C-alpha atoms as a PDB file:
ATOM      1  CA  UNK A   1       0.000   0.000   0.000  1.00  0.00           C
ATOM      2  CA  UNK A   2       1.255   3.454  -0.828  1.00  0.00           C
ATOM      3  CA  UNK A   3       2.049   5.757   2.053  1.00  0.00           C
ATOM      4  CA  UNK A   4       0.239   8.677   0.422  1.00  0.00           C
ATOM      5  CA  UNK A   5      -3.121   6.880   0.281  1.00  0.00           C
ATOM      6  CA  UNK A   6      -5.513   7.888   3.030  1.00  0.00           C
ATOM      7  CA  UNK A   7      -7.556   5.391   4.993  1.00  0.00           C
ATOM      8  CA  UNK A   8     -10.834   6.454   3.393  1.00  0.00           C
ATOM      9  CA  UNK A   9      -9.305   6.098  -0.093  1.00  0.00           C
ATOM     10  CA  UNK A  10      -8.029   2.654   0.796  1.00  0.00           C
ATOM     11  CA  UNK A  11     -11.481   1.603   2.014  1.00  0.00           C
ATOM     12  CA  UNK A  12     -12.992   2.926  -1.214  1.00  0.00           C
ATOM     13  CA  UNK A  13     -10.498   0.976  -3.322  1.00  0.00           C
ATOM     14  CA  UNK A  14     -11.172  -2.203  -1.339  1.00  0.00           C
ATOM     15  CA  UNK A  15     -14.939  -1.704  -1.740  1.00  0.00           C
ATOM     16  CA  UNK A  16     -14.588  -1.197  -5.498  1.00  0.00           C
ATOM     17  CA  UNK A  17     -12.440  -4.307  -5.741  1.00  0.00           C
ATOM     18  CA  UNK A  18     -15.049  -6.356  -3.881  1.00  0.00           C
ATOM     19  CA  UNK A  19     -17.808  -5.000  -6.098  1.00  0.00           C
ATOM     20  CA  UNK A  20     -15.839  -5.957  -9.203  1.00  0.00           C
ATOM     21  CA  UNK A  21     -15.422  -9.486  -7.860  1.00  0.00           C
ATOM     22  CA  UNK A  22     -19.141  -9.760  -7.085  1.00  0.00           C
ATOM     23  CA  UNK A  23     -20.076  -8.461 -10.533  1.00  0.00           C
ATOM     24  CA  UNK A  24     -17.722 -10.983 -12.111  1.00  0.00           C
ATOM     25  CA  UNK A  25     -19.372 -13.827 -10.155  1.00  0.00           C
ATOM     26  CA  UNK A  26     -22.844 -12.657 -11.156  1.00  0.00           C
ATOM     27  CA  UNK A  27     -21.859 -12.404 -14.821  1.00  0.00           C
ATOM     28  CA  UNK A  28     -20.393 -15.919 -14.736  1.00  0.00           C
ATOM     29  CA  UNK A  29     -23.642 -17.266 -13.270  1.00  0.00           C
ATOM     30  CA  UNK A  30     -25.691 -15.389 -15.865  1.00  0.00           C
ATOM     31  CA  UNK A  31     -23.491 -16.753 -18.644  1.00  0.00           C
ATOM     32  CA  UNK A  32     -24.095 -20.317 -17.440  1.00  0.00           C
ATOM     33  CA  UNK A  33     -27.826 -19.651 -17.151  1.00  0.00           C
ATOM     34  CA  UNK A  34     -28.064 -18.206 -20.666  1.00  0.00           C
ATOM     35  CA  UNK A  35     -26.054 -21.112 -22.079  1.00  0.00           C
ATOM     36  CA  UNK A  36     -28.340 -23.600 -20.313  1.00  0.00           C
ATOM     37  CA  UNK A  37     -31.401 -21.784 -21.670  1.00  0.00           C
ATOM     38  CA  UNK A  38     -30.083 -21.909 -25.221  1.00  0.00           C
ATOM     39  CA  UNK A  39     -29.392 -25.634 -24.908  1.00  0.00           C
ATOM     40  CA  UNK A  40     -32.878 -26.227 -23.486  1.00  0.00           C
ATOM     41  CA  UNK A  41     -34.543 -24.298 -26.325  1.00  0.00           C
ATOM     42  CA  UNK A  42     -32.496 -26.163 -28.917  1.00  0.00           C
ATOM     43  CA  UNK A  43     -33.574 -29.504 -27.452  1.00  0.00           C
ATOM     44  CA  UNK A  44     -37.234 -28.450 -27.301  1.00  0.00           C
ATOM     45  CA  UNK A  45     -37.315 -27.166 -30.881  1.00  0.00           C
ATOM     46  CA  UNK A  46     -35.474 -30.221 -32.189  1.00  0.00           C
ATOM     47  CA  UNK A  47     -37.902 -32.544 -30.430  1.00  0.00           C
ATOM     48  CA  UNK A  48     -40.914 -30.566 -31.672  1.00  0.00           C
ATOM     49  CA  UNK A  49     -39.701 -30.631 -35.261  1.00  0.00           C
ATOM     50  CA  UNK A  50     -39.104 -34.357 -35.118  1.00  0.00           C
ATOM     51  CA  UNK A  51     -42.683 -34.935 -33.909  1.00  0.00           C
ATOM     52  CA  UNK A  52     -44.143 -32.567 -36.507  1.00  0.00           C
ATOM     53  CA  UNK A  53     -42.368 -34.343 -39.347  1.00  0.00           C
ATOM     54  CA  UNK A  54     -43.311 -37.845 -38.195  1.00  0.00           C
ATOM     55  CA  UNK A  55     -45.310 -38.463 -41.381  1.00  0.00           C
ATOM     56  CA  UNK A  56     -48.837 -39.409 -42.277  1.00  0.00           C
ATOM     57  CA  UNK A  57     -51.028 -41.579 -40.117  1.00  0.00           C
ATOM     58  CA  UNK A  58     -53.150 -44.262 -41.786  1.00  0.00           C
ATOM     59  CA  UNK A  59     -56.734 -43.119 -42.364  1.00  0.00           C
ATOM     60  CA  UNK A  60     -59.846 -44.150 -44.280  1.00  0.00           C
ATOM     61  CA  UNK A  61     -62.554 -42.208 -46.040  1.00  0.00           C
ATOM     62  CA  UNK A  62     -65.929 -43.319 -47.335  1.00  0.00           C
ATOM     63  CA  UNK A  63     -67.374 -41.746 -50.455  1.00  0.00           C
ATOM     64  CA  UNK A  64     -70.970 -42.192 -51.674  1.00  0.00           C
ATOM     65  CA  UNK A  65     -72.250 -41.891 -55.170  1.00  0.00           C
ATOM     66  CA  UNK A  66     -70.541 -42.456 -58.496  1.00  0.00           C
ATOM     67  CA  UNK A  67     -66.868 -42.486 -59.351  1.00  0.00           C
ATOM     68  CA  UNK A  68     -66.799 -38.700 -58.964  1.00  0.00           C
ATOM     69  CA  UNK A  69     -68.101 -38.917 -55.368  1.00  0.00           C
ATOM     70  CA  UNK A  70     -70.973 -36.601 -56.217  1.00  0.00           C
ATOM     71  CA  UNK A  71     -73.125 -38.290 -53.581  1.00  0.00           C
ATOM     72  CA  UNK A  72     -70.776 -37.145 -50.851  1.00  0.00           C
ATOM     73  CA  UNK A  73     -69.621 -33.697 -51.904  1.00  0.00           C
ATOM     74  CA  UNK A  74     -71.698 -30.771 -50.727  1.00  0.00           C
ATOM     75  CA  UNK A  75     -74.368 -32.817 -48.985  1.00  0.00           C
ATOM     76  CA  UNK A  76     -72.894 -33.465 -45.548  1.00  0.00           C
ATOM     77  CA  UNK A  77     -75.257 -31.089 -43.752  1.00  0.00           C
ATOM     78  CA  UNK A  78     -78.357 -31.598 -45.865  1.00  0.00           C
ATOM     79  CA  UNK A  79     -80.041 -33.823 -43.270  1.00  0.00           C
ATOM     80  CA  UNK A  80     -80.124 -31.081 -40.600  1.00  0.00           C
END
C-alpha cells in the first residue's frame, strides 16, 4: 500500500475491488444460465420438429355416389 493513500481512499479501493469481484461472479452465473437456456430451447425445438415431421397416419374415407363422389360432396349437412 502506498504511504500517500488515506484510509478512506483505501477503504474505497477495497470496496470497489469487492464490487468488481461480485459483478464478475454474477456475470459468470448469468453466462451459465443463458447457455443452459439456449441448450434447453435447442432440445425443445429439435424434439418438436421431429414430432411434426413424423409423417402421415393411416386413415380411411368413405365416399358415396358415383366415381366422382358426387353423392358425398356438398351434402354433408343436408339432413339437418
